[in-house]
Structure formats: C-alpha cells, structure tokens
Amino acid sequence: MNKFIKSILSFSLKNKFFIFFLTALAVVAGVISYQNTPIEAFPDVTNTQITLITQWPGRSAEEIEKFVTIPIEIGLNSVQKRTDIRSTSLFGLSVIKVLFDDGVDDAFARQQVNNLLNGVELPEGIRPDVQPPYGPTGEIFRYTLQSPTRTARELKTVQDWVIDRQLKSVPGVADVVSFGGEVKTYEISVDPRRLMDYNITPLQLYQAVANSNVNVGAMSSRKIQKLTSCGALDCCVISRISRISPSRILRVRPLWCAM
C-alpha cells in the first residue's frame, strides 16, 4: 500500500502541469453539474402513477366498493406496463391509484388509463376524474372552511366558485380537490294520486323534467324569455304527456310566489 501511494505522489510531482490541468477540468465539470442539477426539498423518486377520484354522494363505502371501485379495477387490469392497482373506498368517495414500471412516461400511462375508462360500466352520472400528474409528495396543504353565519351549502359554493379558482391560478398548483359540503339541488315531490288523475307515469314525468333542461334552437313557436311576474308562470307549458287526452296541456301553477 505504501508503494502504491509513493508511486502516485512521484507521478504527480513529475507531471505537475498535467495534474493542474486535470484539477481545473474537474472544477469546471463540477460547477457545470452544480448549476444544472435540479434541487428539490422532497425529490420524487417513485414510479409513475395515475390517480383516479370518483365521487358518488350519499352512498356508503360498501356501495362505492361494489358499484364503482371494483368495476374500475377490473377495467384497468389490462393496462400495459402496470405493476399494481391500489384502491380506497370511503363514504361517497373512491380513490384508485395505478402504479407503473420504472421509466414509463406519464403521457403513455395517462393515455392507457383514459382509453380503458371508456369501457367501464358505472352508475348513471358517475365519471372518474383523472388527477393531474404529481407524485406522492405533491400534497402540500389541507384546509377546511368554517363559518358561524354561513351554511354548509354556502361554504361549498364559495369553495367551488371562488377559492378553487384562486388557488389554481397560483403557479405550481396542479389541482385542488374538495370533498364534503352540500351542493344546491332541486327536488320534486310527486303525488301519486295526481299522477293517476292525469294518467301519467313516473317515467314520463322524469323525461319531461329532463327535457326541460335541454337547450333548443329558435324553431319553437313560443319564444323563451325572462319571467317578470308571477302571472307569467301560467303561460308555461310542460308537455302533452296524457295518453288518454292528447290535447290536454299541463301548465305550471304557482303555489306561492314573491317577486
């Protein structure tokens, strides 16, 4: 060992300019590498993964597992270059993570998942949301909205229409996931006896309400305009849905109105 060290020292002393040149070259290479090396507080060294979040409000964890999580897992079993599929089913929420091999590009993995999701049969109105590309260390902040004067529905509205948009405008924020609260909905209470009087089935009523939300062109003989008084409600026609008397027209009658 001593002989080896002495030989290195003697070579360095005899070739001073060559050693200086190698030292300067190593310093330049080190500076260039330092300037081009990405520095992260929490470097992501995990495999490529795709996260799917599906919300079905009002359903238990068992229903979410049976009707949402399991069908998606079965549909994604044929994804290429995947290593594992992990899922979590909660009340009204399903979270599925698809892990891929090392070196798999995020765009390739995302395309595979999106293609297979089209063939998954889920309950009506349920659509999984594919989350933006971020690693397991990408979740940086959690918060809750609380107010002594506002209801849960109002807080949910503020979250979806104000806070969510402001946070997404911050550079570096990939996505904002909100959970909980109450969404504004309209419910129709049906009187079965009145349906029998008009000879209308619940399916016909459902279709009439669904058709009222469809945008139409200008081919209708009655123009669409803003209601300016309670009396204008009497002119609203729902549909000719009576099978016994096709000429009977159902109109909207206000039970209570305050303009």
C-alpha atoms as a PDB file:
ATOM      1  CA  MET A   1       0.000   0.000   0.000  1.00  0.00           C
ATOM      2  CA  ASN A   2       2.837   2.399   0.820  1.00  0.00           C
ATOM      3  CA  LYS A   3       4.446   1.604  -2.505  1.00  0.00           C
ATOM      4  CA  PHE A   4       1.241   2.485  -4.337  1.00  0.00           C
ATOM      5  CA  ILE A   5       0.879   5.833  -2.559  1.00  0.00           C
ATOM      6  CA  LYS A   6       4.539   6.703  -3.184  1.00  0.00           C
ATOM      7  CA  SER A   7       4.140   5.955  -6.886  1.00  0.00           C
ATOM      8  CA  ILE A   8       1.106   8.273  -7.127  1.00  0.00           C
ATOM      9  CA  LEU A   9       2.969  11.074  -5.358  1.00  0.00           C
ATOM     10  CA  SER A  10       6.022  10.697  -7.514  1.00  0.00           C
ATOM     11  CA  PHE A  11       3.902  10.717 -10.697  1.00  0.00           C
ATOM     12  CA  SER A  12       2.100  13.860  -9.569  1.00  0.00           C
ATOM     13  CA  LEU A  13       5.338  15.678  -8.749  1.00  0.00           C
ATOM     14  CA  LYS A  14       6.900  14.758 -12.085  1.00  0.00           C
ATOM     15  CA  ASN A  15       3.783  15.807 -14.107  1.00  0.00           C
ATOM     16  CA  LYS A  16       2.692  18.984 -12.371  1.00  0.00           C
ATOM     17  CA  PHE A  17       1.100  20.659 -15.411  1.00  0.00           C
ATOM     18  CA  PHE A  18      -0.906  17.553 -16.281  1.00  0.00           C
ATOM     19  CA  ILE A  19      -2.231  17.310 -12.708  1.00  0.00           C
ATOM     20  CA  PHE A  20      -3.138  21.008 -12.710  1.00  0.00           C
ATOM     21  CA  PHE A  21      -4.996  20.544 -15.999  1.00  0.00           C
ATOM     22  CA  LEU A  22      -6.993  17.585 -14.644  1.00  0.00           C
ATOM     23  CA  THR A  23      -7.816  19.530 -11.481  1.00  0.00           C
ATOM     24  CA  ALA A  24      -9.052  22.545 -13.429  1.00  0.00           C
ATOM     25  CA  LEU A  25     -11.095  20.268 -15.688  1.00  0.00           C
ATOM     26  CA  ALA A  26     -12.721  18.601 -12.664  1.00  0.00           C
ATOM     27  CA  VAL A  27     -13.550  22.014 -11.145  1.00  0.00           C
ATOM     28  CA  VAL A  28     -15.217  23.220 -14.363  1.00  0.00           C
ATOM     29  CA  ALA A  29     -17.219  19.987 -14.677  1.00  0.00           C
ATOM     30  CA  GLY A  30     -18.309  20.289 -11.041  1.00  0.00           C
ATOM     31  CA  VAL A  31     -19.504  23.881 -11.466  1.00  0.00           C
ATOM     32  CA  ILE A  32     -21.488  22.996 -14.600  1.00  0.00           C
ATOM     33  CA  SER A  33     -23.074  19.992 -12.895  1.00  0.00           C
ATOM     34  CA  TYR A  34     -23.983  22.073  -9.840  1.00  0.00           C
ATOM     35  CA  GLN A  35     -25.703  24.712 -11.968  1.00  0.00           C
ATOM     36  CA  ASN A  36     -27.730  22.152 -13.963  1.00  0.00           C
ATOM     37  CA  THR A  37     -28.692  19.827 -11.098  1.00  0.00           C
ATOM     38  CA  PRO A  38     -32.363  20.250 -10.049  1.00  0.00           C
ATOM     39  CA  ILE A  39     -32.711  20.882  -6.327  1.00  0.00           C
ATOM     40  CA  GLU A  40     -35.920  19.771  -4.604  1.00  0.00           C
ATOM     41  CA  ALA A  41     -36.743  19.732  -0.929  1.00  0.00           C
ATOM     42  CA  PHE A  42     -38.662  16.460  -1.397  1.00  0.00           C
ATOM     43  CA  PRO A  43     -37.454  14.747  -4.586  1.00  0.00           C
ATOM     44  CA  ASP A  44     -39.948  12.341  -6.150  1.00  0.00           C
ATOM     45  CA  VAL A  45     -38.179   9.014  -6.674  1.00  0.00           C
ATOM     46  CA  THR A  46     -41.330   6.881  -7.006  1.00  0.00           C
ATOM     47  CA  ASN A  47     -42.696   5.186 -10.090  1.00  0.00           C
ATOM     48  CA  THR A  48     -45.183   6.795 -12.438  1.00  0.00           C
ATOM     49  CA  GLN A  49     -48.704   6.600 -11.033  1.00  0.00           C
ATOM     50  CA  ILE A  50     -52.163   7.677 -12.156  1.00  0.00           C
ATOM     51  CA  THR A  51     -54.763   8.616  -9.547  1.00  0.00           C
ATOM     52  CA  LEU A  52     -58.493   8.373 -10.222  1.00  0.00           C
ATOM     53  CA  ILE A  53     -61.012  10.010  -7.872  1.00  0.00           C
ATOM     54  CA  THR A  54     -64.718   9.222  -8.206  1.00  0.00           C
ATOM     55  CA  GLN A  55     -67.429  10.878  -6.128  1.00  0.00           C
ATOM     56  CA  TRP A  56     -70.896   9.403  -5.594  1.00  0.00           C
ATOM     57  CA  PRO A  57     -72.516  11.483  -2.831  1.00  0.00           C
ATOM     58  CA  GLY A  58     -74.794   9.793  -0.325  1.00  0.00           C
ATOM     59  CA  ARG A  59     -73.509   6.247  -0.912  1.00  0.00           C
ATOM     60  CA  SER A  60     -71.970   4.021   1.721  1.00  0.00           C
ATOM     61  CA  ALA A  61     -68.464   2.612   1.479  1.00  0.00           C
ATOM     62  CA  GLU A  62     -69.874  -0.823   0.593  1.00  0.00           C
ATOM     63  CA  GLU A  63     -71.855   0.595  -2.342  1.00  0.00           C
ATOM     64  CA  ILE A  64     -68.850   2.596  -3.528  1.00  0.00           C
ATOM     65  CA  GLU A  65     -66.711  -0.559  -3.413  1.00  0.00           C
ATOM     66  CA  LYS A  66     -69.266  -2.689  -5.254  1.00  0.00           C
ATOM     67  CA  PHE A  67     -70.517  -0.351  -7.965  1.00  0.00           C
ATOM     68  CA  VAL A  68     -67.536   1.979  -8.531  1.00  0.00           C
ATOM     69  CA  THR A  69     -64.186   0.724  -7.245  1.00  0.00           C
ATOM     70  CA  ILE A  70     -64.386  -2.918  -8.321  1.00  0.00           C
ATOM     71  CA  PRO A  71     -65.653  -2.197 -11.890  1.00  0.00           C
ATOM     72  CA  ILE A  72     -62.848   0.319 -12.428  1.00  0.00           C
ATOM     73  CA  GLU A  73     -60.218  -2.112 -11.099  1.00  0.00           C
ATOM     74  CA  ILE A  74     -61.489  -4.864 -13.403  1.00  0.00           C
ATOM     75  CA  GLY A  75     -61.497  -2.500 -16.375  1.00  0.00           C
ATOM     76  CA  LEU A  76     -57.923  -1.339 -15.689  1.00  0.00           C
ATOM     77  CA  ASN A  77     -56.456  -4.826 -15.264  1.00  0.00           C
ATOM     78  CA  SER A  78     -55.290  -4.866 -18.882  1.00  0.00           C
ATOM     79  CA  VAL A  79     -53.262  -1.636 -18.611  1.00  0.00           C
ATOM     80  CA  GLN A  80     -49.815  -2.174 -20.123  1.00  0.00           C
ATOM     81  CA  LYS A  81     -46.660  -1.950 -18.002  1.00  0.00           C
ATOM     82  CA  ARG A  82     -48.541  -1.597 -14.732  1.00  0.00           C
ATOM     83  CA  THR A  83     -47.182  -3.047 -11.522  1.00  0.00           C
ATOM     84  CA  ASP A  84     -50.041  -2.614  -9.073  1.00  0.00           C
ATOM     85  CA  ILE A  85     -53.535  -1.197  -8.563  1.00  0.00           C
ATOM     86  CA  ARG A  86     -54.418   0.180  -5.120  1.00  0.00           C
ATOM     87  CA  SER A  87     -57.816   1.456  -4.080  1.00  0.00           C
ATOM     88  CA  THR A  88     -59.594   3.064  -1.140  1.00  0.00           C
ATOM     89  CA  SER A  89     -63.378   3.227  -0.761  1.00  0.00           C
ATOM     90  CA  LEU A  90     -64.908   5.761   1.625  1.00  0.00           C
ATOM     91  CA  PHE A  91     -68.350   7.235   2.168  1.00  0.00           C
ATOM     92  CA  GLY A  92     -69.230   8.779  -1.196  1.00  0.00           C
ATOM     93  CA  LEU A  93     -65.628   8.624  -2.448  1.00  0.00           C
ATOM     94  CA  SER A  94     -63.447   6.150  -4.368  1.00  0.00           C
ATOM     95  CA  VAL A  95     -59.689   6.643  -4.823  1.00  0.00           C
ATOM     96  CA  ILE A  96     -57.748   4.322  -7.164  1.00  0.00           C
ATOM     97  CA  LYS A  97     -54.012   4.514  -7.877  1.00  0.00           C
ATOM     98  CA  VAL A  98     -52.427   2.691 -10.825  1.00  0.00           C
ATOM     99  CA  LEU A  99     -48.647   2.174 -10.467  1.00  0.00           C
ATOM    100  CA  PHE A 100     -46.384   1.601 -13.468  1.00  0.00           C
ATOM    101  CA  ASP A 101     -42.874   0.247 -14.137  1.00  0.00           C
ATOM    102  CA  ASP A 102     -39.753   2.375 -13.910  1.00  0.00           C
ATOM    103  CA  GLY A 103     -39.183   4.586 -16.925  1.00  0.00           C
ATOM    104  CA  VAL A 104     -42.825   4.673 -18.076  1.00  0.00           C
ATOM    105  CA  ASP A 105     -43.719   8.095 -19.457  1.00  0.00           C
ATOM    106  CA  ASP A 106     -46.619   9.878 -17.745  1.00  0.00           C
ATOM    107  CA  ALA A 107     -48.311  10.657 -21.077  1.00  0.00           C
ATOM    108  CA  PHE A 108     -48.235   6.962 -22.072  1.00  0.00           C
ATOM    109  CA  ALA A 109     -49.684   5.877 -18.713  1.00  0.00           C
ATOM    110  CA  ARG A 110     -52.389   8.529 -18.835  1.00  0.00           C
ATOM    111  CA  GLN A 111     -53.411   7.521 -22.365  1.00  0.00           C
ATOM    112  CA  GLN A 112     -53.680   3.859 -21.369  1.00  0.00           C
ATOM    113  CA  VAL A 113     -55.910   4.659 -18.400  1.00  0.00           C
ATOM    114  CA  ASN A 114     -58.175   7.057 -20.335  1.00  0.00           C
ATOM    115  CA  ASN A 115     -58.680   4.549 -23.161  1.00  0.00           C
ATOM    116  CA  LEU A 116     -59.774   1.764 -20.808  1.00  0.00           C
ATOM    117  CA  LEU A 117     -62.007   4.003 -18.680  1.00  0.00           C
ATOM    118  CA  ASN A 118     -64.365   4.446 -21.642  1.00  0.00           C
ATOM    119  CA  GLY A 119     -65.312   0.761 -21.441  1.00  0.00           C
ATOM    120  CA  VAL A 120     -66.059   0.687 -17.705  1.00  0.00           C
ATOM    121  CA  GLU A 121     -69.761   0.457 -16.822  1.00  0.00           C
ATOM    122  CA  LEU A 122     -70.599   2.752 -13.909  1.00  0.00           C
ATOM    123  CA  PRO A 123     -73.860   4.100 -12.455  1.00  0.00           C
ATOM    124  CA  GLU A 124     -75.554   6.866 -14.414  1.00  0.00           C
ATOM    125  CA  GLY A 125     -73.930  10.259 -13.969  1.00  0.00           C
ATOM    126  CA  ILE A 126     -70.729   8.876 -12.397  1.00  0.00           C
ATOM    127  CA  ARG A 127     -67.457   9.736 -14.120  1.00  0.00           C
ATOM    128  CA  PRO A 128     -63.968   9.186 -12.633  1.00  0.00           C
ATOM    129  CA  ASP A 129     -61.669  12.206 -12.586  1.00  0.00           C
ATOM    130  CA  VAL A 130     -58.060  11.546 -13.643  1.00  0.00           C
ATOM    131  CA  GLN A 131     -55.866  13.694 -11.435  1.00  0.00           C
ATOM    132  CA  PRO A 132     -53.037  15.891 -12.793  1.00  0.00           C
ATOM    133  CA  PRO A 133     -49.505  14.451 -12.790  1.00  0.00           C
ATOM    134  CA  TYR A 134     -47.981  14.804  -9.351  1.00  0.00           C
ATOM    135  CA  GLY A 135     -46.111  12.476  -7.003  1.00  0.00           C
ATOM    136  CA  PRO A 136     -46.999  11.234  -3.532  1.00  0.00           C
ATOM    137  CA  THR A 137     -45.181  14.230  -2.029  1.00  0.00           C
ATOM    138  CA  GLY A 138     -47.245  16.662  -4.103  1.00  0.00           C
ATOM    139  CA  GLU A 139     -49.947  17.185  -1.479  1.00  0.00           C
ATOM    140  CA  ILE A 140     -48.721  20.321   0.241  1.00  0.00           C
ATOM    141  CA  PHE A 141     -51.708  21.777   2.072  1.00  0.00           C
ATOM    142  CA  ARG A 142     -55.050  20.841   3.630  1.00  0.00           C
ATOM    143  CA  TYR A 143     -57.672  23.275   4.866  1.00  0.00           C
ATOM    144  CA  THR A 144     -61.303  23.467   6.000  1.00  0.00           C
ATOM    145  CA  LEU A 145     -63.929  26.179   5.641  1.00  0.00           C
ATOM    146  CA  GLN A 146     -65.849  27.167   8.767  1.00  0.00           C
ATOM    147  CA  SER A 147     -68.274  29.985   9.391  1.00  0.00           C
ATOM    148  CA  PRO A 148     -70.737  30.770  12.221  1.00  0.00           C
ATOM    149  CA  THR A 149     -73.119  32.524   9.814  1.00  0.00           C
ATOM    150  CA  ARG A 150     -72.911  30.551   6.549  1.00  0.00           C
ATOM    151  CA  THR A 151     -74.417  27.132   5.894  1.00  0.00           C
ATOM    152  CA  ALA A 152     -72.566  24.114   4.521  1.00  0.00           C
ATOM    153  CA  ARG A 153     -74.143  24.744   1.099  1.00  0.00           C
ATOM    154  CA  GLU A 154     -72.913  28.341   1.019  1.00  0.00           C
ATOM    155  CA  LEU A 155     -69.404  27.286   2.060  1.00  0.00           C
ATOM    156  CA  LYS A 156     -69.375  24.650  -0.689  1.00  0.00           C
ATOM    157  CA  THR A 157     -70.391  27.298  -3.222  1.00  0.00           C
ATOM    158  CA  VAL A 158     -67.588  29.619  -2.054  1.00  0.00           C
ATOM    159  CA  GLN A 159     -65.096  26.754  -2.309  1.00  0.00           C
ATOM    160  CA  ASP A 160     -66.091  25.727  -5.839  1.00  0.00           C
ATOM    161  CA  TRP A 161     -66.532  29.189  -7.374  1.00  0.00           C
ATOM    162  CA  VAL A 162     -64.048  31.406  -5.516  1.00  0.00           C
ATOM    163  CA  ILE A 163     -61.314  29.624  -3.554  1.00  0.00           C
ATOM    164  CA  ASP A 164     -60.812  26.781  -6.044  1.00  0.00           C
ATOM    165  CA  ARG A 165     -60.254  29.162  -8.945  1.00  0.00           C
ATOM    166  CA  GLN A 166     -57.937  31.424  -6.978  1.00  0.00           C
ATOM    167  CA  LEU A 167     -55.743  28.528  -5.833  1.00  0.00           C
ATOM    168  CA  LYS A 168     -55.479  27.065  -9.348  1.00  0.00           C
ATOM    169  CA  SER A 169     -54.193  30.414 -10.614  1.00  0.00           C
ATOM    170  CA  VAL A 170     -51.117  30.105  -8.353  1.00  0.00           C
ATOM    171  CA  PRO A 171     -48.046  28.919 -10.329  1.00  0.00           C
ATOM    172  CA  GLY A 172     -47.108  25.335  -9.497  1.00  0.00           C
ATOM    173  CA  VAL A 173     -50.538  24.265  -8.201  1.00  0.00           C
ATOM    174  CA  ALA A 174     -51.653  21.218 -10.193  1.00  0.00           C
ATOM    175  CA  ASP A 175     -55.114  20.655  -8.764  1.00  0.00           C
ATOM    176  CA  VAL A 176     -57.441  21.381  -5.861  1.00  0.00           C
ATOM    177  CA  VAL A 177     -59.619  18.513  -4.618  1.00  0.00           C
ATOM    178  CA  SER A 178     -62.636  19.416  -2.498  1.00  0.00           C
ATOM    179  CA  PHE A 179     -64.741  16.963  -0.509  1.00  0.00           C
ATOM    180  CA  GLY A 180     -67.803  17.415   1.617  1.00  0.00           C
ATOM    181  CA  GLY A 181     -70.402  20.140   1.871  1.00  0.00           C
ATOM    182  CA  GLU A 182     -73.822  20.383   0.259  1.00  0.00           C
ATOM    183  CA  VAL A 183     -74.468  21.079  -3.414  1.00  0.00           C
ATOM    184  CA  LYS A 184     -77.557  23.084  -4.355  1.00  0.00           C
ATOM    185  CA  THR A 185     -80.177  20.738  -5.813  1.00  0.00           C
ATOM    186  CA  TYR A 186     -83.858  20.854  -6.758  1.00  0.00           C
ATOM    187  CA  GLU A 187     -86.141  18.042  -5.608  1.00  0.00           C
ATOM    188  CA  ILE A 188     -89.634  17.252  -6.914  1.00  0.00           C
ATOM    189  CA  SER A 189     -92.140  15.650  -4.555  1.00  0.00           C
ATOM    190  CA  VAL A 190     -94.609  13.631  -6.624  1.00  0.00           C
ATOM    191  CA  ASP A 191     -98.205  12.995  -5.560  1.00  0.00           C
ATOM    192  CA  PRO A 192     -99.139   9.500  -6.877  1.00  0.00           C
ATOM    193  CA  ARG A 193    -102.863  10.309  -6.791  1.00  0.00           C
ATOM    194  CA  ARG A 194    -102.423  13.343  -9.028  1.00  0.00           C
ATOM    195  CA  LEU A 195    -100.365  11.257 -11.423  1.00  0.00           C
ATOM    196  CA  MET A 196    -103.212   8.740 -11.627  1.00  0.00           C
ATOM    197  CA  ASP A 197    -105.710  11.543 -12.270  1.00  0.00           C
ATOM    198  CA  TYR A 198    -103.702  12.692 -15.273  1.00  0.00           C
ATOM    199  CA  ASN A 199    -102.783   9.113 -16.291  1.00  0.00           C
ATOM    200  CA  ILE A 200     -99.069   9.943 -16.144  1.00  0.00           C
ATOM    201  CA  THR A 201     -96.331   7.505 -15.224  1.00  0.00           C
ATOM    202  CA  PRO A 202     -93.299   8.480 -13.106  1.00  0.00           C
ATOM    203  CA  LEU A 203     -91.069   7.782 -16.116  1.00  0.00           C
ATOM    204  CA  GLN A 204     -92.985  10.292 -18.239  1.00  0.00           C
ATOM    205  CA  LEU A 205     -92.656  12.889 -15.508  1.00  0.00           C
ATOM    206  CA  TYR A 206     -88.926  12.192 -15.238  1.00  0.00           C
ATOM    207  CA  GLN A 207     -88.490  12.578 -19.002  1.00  0.00           C
ATOM    208  CA  ALA A 208     -90.466  15.826 -19.015  1.00  0.00           C
ATOM    209  CA  VAL A 209     -88.261  17.300 -16.283  1.00  0.00           C
ATOM    210  CA  ALA A 210     -85.103  16.085 -18.049  1.00  0.00           C
ATOM    211  CA  ASN A 211     -86.234  17.630 -21.347  1.00  0.00           C
ATOM    212  CA  SER A 212     -86.811  20.973 -19.633  1.00  0.00           C
ATOM    213  CA  ASN A 213     -83.023  21.283 -19.155  1.00  0.00           C
ATOM    214  CA  VAL A 214     -82.240  20.827 -22.866  1.00  0.00           C
ATOM    215  CA  ASN A 215     -81.187  23.846 -24.911  1.00  0.00           C
ATOM    216  CA  VAL A 216     -83.268  24.295 -28.057  1.00  0.00           C
ATOM    217  CA  GLY A 217     -82.954  26.420 -31.141  1.00  0.00           C
ATOM    218  CA  ALA A 218     -85.190  29.169 -32.484  1.00  0.00           C
ATOM    219  CA  MET A 219     -87.643  26.880 -34.300  1.00  0.00           C
ATOM    220  CA  SER A 220     -90.175  26.926 -31.454  1.00  0.00           C
ATOM    221  CA  SER A 221     -93.354  28.943 -31.953  1.00  0.00           C
ATOM    222  CA  ARG A 222     -93.096  30.273 -28.390  1.00  0.00           C
ATOM    223  CA  LYS A 223     -90.066  32.332 -27.546  1.00  0.00           C
ATOM    224  CA  ILE A 224     -88.059  31.873 -24.360  1.00  0.00           C
ATOM    225  CA  GLN A 225     -87.998  34.963 -22.202  1.00  0.00           C
ATOM    226  CA  LYS A 226     -87.343  36.014 -18.634  1.00  0.00           C
ATOM    227  CA  LEU A 227     -90.250  35.784 -16.201  1.00  0.00           C
ATOM    228  CA  THR A 228     -91.113  39.226 -14.888  1.00  0.00           C
ATOM    229  CA  SER A 229     -94.197  38.422 -12.824  1.00  0.00           C
ATOM    230  CA  CYS A 230     -95.918  35.553 -11.057  1.00  0.00           C
ATOM    231  CA  GLY A 231     -98.743  35.612 -13.583  1.00  0.00           C
ATOM    232  CA  ALA A 232     -96.302  34.690 -16.350  1.00  0.00           C
ATOM    233  CA  LEU A 233     -95.989  31.232 -14.790  1.00  0.00           C
ATOM    234  CA  ASP A 234     -99.490  30.399 -16.052  1.00  0.00           C
ATOM    235  CA  CYS A 235     -98.165  30.559 -19.618  1.00  0.00           C
ATOM    236  CA  CYS A 236     -95.503  27.887 -19.051  1.00  0.00           C
ATOM    237  CA  VAL A 237     -96.411  24.636 -20.774  1.00  0.00           C
ATOM    238  CA  ILE A 238     -94.793  21.407 -19.554  1.00  0.00           C
ATOM    239  CA  SER A 239     -95.880  18.860 -22.157  1.00  0.00           C
ATOM    240  CA  ARG A 240     -98.753  16.994 -23.754  1.00  0.00           C
ATOM    241  CA  ILE A 241     -97.989  13.767 -21.932  1.00  0.00           C
ATOM    242  CA  SER A 242    -101.526  12.494 -21.281  1.00  0.00           C
ATOM    243  CA  ARG A 243    -102.179   9.350 -23.306  1.00  0.00           C
ATOM    244  CA  ILE A 244    -105.972   9.386 -22.858  1.00  0.00           C
ATOM    245  CA  SER A 245    -106.427  13.041 -23.775  1.00  0.00           C
ATOM    246  CA  PRO A 246    -103.562  14.043 -26.108  1.00  0.00           C
ATOM    247  CA  SER A 247    -104.946  17.553 -26.373  1.00  0.00           C
ATOM    248  CA  ARG A 248    -104.673  18.152 -22.632  1.00  0.00           C
ATOM    249  CA  ILE A 249    -101.847  20.542 -21.839  1.00  0.00           C
ATOM    250  CA  LEU A 250    -100.258  20.655 -18.403  1.00  0.00           C
ATOM    251  CA  ARG A 251     -99.348  24.124 -17.252  1.00  0.00           C
ATOM    252  CA  VAL A 252     -97.321  25.403 -14.327  1.00  0.00           C
ATOM    253  CA  ARG A 253     -99.379  26.850 -11.488  1.00  0.00           C
ATOM    254  CA  PRO A 254     -97.521  28.825  -8.791  1.00  0.00           C
ATOM    255  CA  LEU A 255     -98.244  27.603  -5.269  1.00  0.00           C
ATOM    256  CA  TRP A 256     -96.510  30.641  -3.762  1.00  0.00           C
ATOM    257  CA  CYS A 257     -94.589  33.434  -5.374  1.00  0.00           C
ATOM    258  CA  ALA A 258     -92.700  36.502  -4.250  1.00  0.00           C
ATOM    259  CA  MET A 259     -91.107  38.728  -6.873  1.00  0.00           C
END
